Amino acid sequence: MIVKNNQNNQIELAFGDGDICIAGGYVRDCMLEKSGLVTFINQEPREIGIEGITKGGEVHLLGEFPIIMTFTKAESIDALITQLEQAKKEMKK
């Protein structure tokens, strides 16, 4: 679930219940350059990993999502994946 803590101005993405829809895609800027993006929005809990409320191929307004990660370089996605893999490795110890 996406939880905003106003006391310390943090937003927590608490994964593990299937209640956060994660969707990847892209957006074009005014120069028609593509940036990758990953969006996050709360949804009713469901099996983790199955398609959520945001379906592949759909067009959405970015304002629909409380959390958006944008990437102008593919290397930034690689860096994020590396850190996610490290977190997964630490969890399994």
C-alpha atoms as a PDB file:
ATOM      1  CA  MET A   1       0.000   0.000   0.000  1.00  0.00           C
ATOM      2  CA  ILE A   2       1.163   3.542  -0.690  1.00  0.00           C
ATOM      3  CA  VAL A   3       1.336   5.351   2.638  1.00  0.00           C
ATOM      4  CA  LYS A   4       2.111   9.049   3.057  1.00  0.00           C
ATOM      5  CA  ASN A   5       3.549  10.041   6.425  1.00  0.00           C
ATOM      6  CA  ASN A   6       2.983  13.778   6.773  1.00  0.00           C
ATOM      7  CA  GLN A   7       5.001  13.996   9.997  1.00  0.00           C
ATOM      8  CA  ASN A   8       8.310  13.231   8.306  1.00  0.00           C
ATOM      9  CA  ASN A   9       7.276  14.021   4.716  1.00  0.00           C
ATOM     10  CA  GLN A  10       7.931  10.468   3.504  1.00  0.00           C
ATOM     11  CA  ILE A  11       6.011   8.204   1.180  1.00  0.00           C
ATOM     12  CA  GLU A  12       6.313   4.472   1.786  1.00  0.00           C
ATOM     13  CA  LEU A  13       5.582   1.849  -0.840  1.00  0.00           C
ATOM     14  CA  ALA A  14       4.779  -1.188   1.336  1.00  0.00           C
ATOM     15  CA  PHE A  15       4.880  -4.237  -0.953  1.00  0.00           C
ATOM     16  CA  GLY A  16       3.757  -7.772  -0.144  1.00  0.00           C
ATOM     17  CA  ASP A  17      -0.035  -7.851  -0.309  1.00  0.00           C
ATOM     18  CA  GLY A  18      -0.651  -7.294  -4.037  1.00  0.00           C
ATOM     19  CA  ASP A  19      -2.327  -3.972  -3.272  1.00  0.00           C
ATOM     20  CA  ILE A  20       0.014  -1.767  -5.316  1.00  0.00           C
ATOM     21  CA  CYS A  21      -0.425  -1.779  -9.072  1.00  0.00           C
ATOM     22  CA  ILE A  22       2.943  -1.350 -10.823  1.00  0.00           C
ATOM     23  CA  ALA A  23       2.993  -0.465 -14.511  1.00  0.00           C
ATOM     24  CA  GLY A  24       5.834   0.402 -16.860  1.00  0.00           C
ATOM     25  CA  GLY A  25       5.642   2.534 -19.956  1.00  0.00           C
ATOM     26  CA  TYR A  26       6.952   5.696 -21.511  1.00  0.00           C
ATOM     27  CA  VAL A  27       6.158   9.348 -22.045  1.00  0.00           C
ATOM     28  CA  ARG A  28       7.337  11.765 -24.747  1.00  0.00           C
ATOM     29  CA  ASP A  29       8.489  15.279 -23.938  1.00  0.00           C
ATOM     30  CA  CYS A  30       7.894  18.381 -26.077  1.00  0.00           C
ATOM     31  CA  MET A  31      10.889  17.421 -28.250  1.00  0.00           C
ATOM     32  CA  LEU A  32       9.317  13.958 -28.770  1.00  0.00           C
ATOM     33  CA  GLU A  33      12.107  12.310 -26.765  1.00  0.00           C
ATOM     34  CA  LYS A  34      11.000   9.184 -24.917  1.00  0.00           C
ATOM     35  CA  SER A  35      11.500   8.711 -21.182  1.00  0.00           C
ATOM     36  CA  GLY A  36      10.742   5.434 -19.467  1.00  0.00           C
ATOM     37  CA  LEU A  37       8.440   5.444 -16.496  1.00  0.00           C
ATOM     38  CA  VAL A  38       7.066   3.189 -13.816  1.00  0.00           C
ATOM     39  CA  THR A  39       3.816   4.137 -12.094  1.00  0.00           C
ATOM     40  CA  PHE A  40       2.423   3.014  -8.766  1.00  0.00           C
ATOM     41  CA  ILE A  41      -1.194   3.230  -7.580  1.00  0.00           C
ATOM     42  CA  ASN A  42      -3.164   1.510  -4.807  1.00  0.00           C
ATOM     43  CA  GLN A  43      -5.554  -1.259  -5.832  1.00  0.00           C
ATOM     44  CA  GLU A  44      -7.584  -3.967  -4.150  1.00  0.00           C
ATOM     45  CA  PRO A  45      -5.283  -6.795  -2.985  1.00  0.00           C
ATOM     46  CA  ARG A  46      -4.747  -9.583  -5.513  1.00  0.00           C
ATOM     47  CA  GLU A  47      -2.204 -12.251  -6.317  1.00  0.00           C
ATOM     48  CA  ILE A  48       1.225 -10.656  -6.552  1.00  0.00           C
ATOM     49  CA  GLY A  49       2.516 -10.423 -10.107  1.00  0.00           C
ATOM     50  CA  ILE A  50      -0.760 -10.626 -12.000  1.00  0.00           C
ATOM     51  CA  GLU A  51      -2.037  -7.732 -14.098  1.00  0.00           C
ATOM     52  CA  GLY A  52      -3.457  -4.987 -11.948  1.00  0.00           C
ATOM     53  CA  ILE A  53      -5.900  -2.165 -12.525  1.00  0.00           C
ATOM     54  CA  THR A  54      -3.535  -0.545 -15.033  1.00  0.00           C
ATOM     55  CA  LYS A  55      -3.518  -2.728 -18.144  1.00  0.00           C
ATOM     56  CA  GLY A  56      -0.697  -2.978 -20.679  1.00  0.00           C
ATOM     57  CA  GLY A  57      -1.223  -0.838 -23.766  1.00  0.00           C
ATOM     58  CA  GLU A  58      -3.655   1.558 -22.085  1.00  0.00           C
ATOM     59  CA  VAL A  59      -3.129   5.315 -22.291  1.00  0.00           C
ATOM     60  CA  HIS A  60      -3.265   7.214 -18.995  1.00  0.00           C
ATOM     61  CA  LEU A  61      -2.750  10.721 -17.689  1.00  0.00           C
ATOM     62  CA  LEU A  62       0.253  10.939 -15.401  1.00  0.00           C
ATOM     63  CA  GLY A  63      -1.876  12.837 -12.885  1.00  0.00           C
ATOM     64  CA  GLU A  64      -3.777   9.606 -12.193  1.00  0.00           C
ATOM     65  CA  PHE A  65      -0.804   8.139 -10.321  1.00  0.00           C
ATOM     66  CA  PRO A  66       0.442   9.221  -6.884  1.00  0.00           C
ATOM     67  CA  ILE A  67       3.951   7.849  -7.524  1.00  0.00           C
ATOM     68  CA  ILE A  68       5.818   8.046 -10.837  1.00  0.00           C
ATOM     69  CA  MET A  69       9.424   7.066 -11.474  1.00  0.00           C
ATOM     70  CA  THR A  70      10.872   8.551 -14.679  1.00  0.00           C
ATOM     71  CA  PHE A  71      14.058   7.522 -16.452  1.00  0.00           C
ATOM     72  CA  THR A  72      15.878   9.461 -19.161  1.00  0.00           C
ATOM     73  CA  LYS A  73      18.731   6.932 -19.323  1.00  0.00           C
ATOM     74  CA  ALA A  74      18.458   3.148 -19.447  1.00  0.00           C
ATOM     75  CA  GLU A  75      21.459   2.953 -17.115  1.00  0.00           C
ATOM     76  CA  SER A  76      19.304   4.463 -14.379  1.00  0.00           C
ATOM     77  CA  ILE A  77      16.878   1.549 -14.718  1.00  0.00           C
ATOM     78  CA  ASP A  78      19.828  -0.850 -14.485  1.00  0.00           C
ATOM     79  CA  ALA A  79      20.976   0.893 -11.289  1.00  0.00           C
ATOM     80  CA  LEU A  80      17.499   0.527  -9.760  1.00  0.00           C
ATOM     81  CA  ILE A  81      17.297  -3.150 -10.747  1.00  0.00           C
ATOM     82  CA  THR A  82      20.694  -3.755  -9.121  1.00  0.00           C
ATOM     83  CA  GLN A  83      19.471  -2.274  -5.838  1.00  0.00           C
ATOM     84  CA  LEU A  84      16.210  -4.267  -5.980  1.00  0.00           C
ATOM     85  CA  GLU A  85      18.214  -7.450  -6.551  1.00  0.00           C
ATOM     86  CA  GLN A  86      20.429  -6.563  -3.584  1.00  0.00           C
ATOM     87  CA  ALA A  87      17.373  -6.043  -1.355  1.00  0.00           C
ATOM     88  CA  LYS A  88      15.984  -9.414  -2.498  1.00  0.00           C
ATOM     89  CA  LYS A  89      19.316 -11.106  -1.769  1.00  0.00           C
ATOM     90  CA  GLU A  90      19.407  -9.582   1.744  1.00  0.00           C
ATOM     91  CA  MET A  91      15.835 -10.754   2.436  1.00  0.00           C
ATOM     92  CA  LYS A  92      16.748 -14.343   1.579  1.00  0.00           C
ATOM     93  CA  LYS A  93      19.708 -14.525   3.968  1.00  0.00           C
END
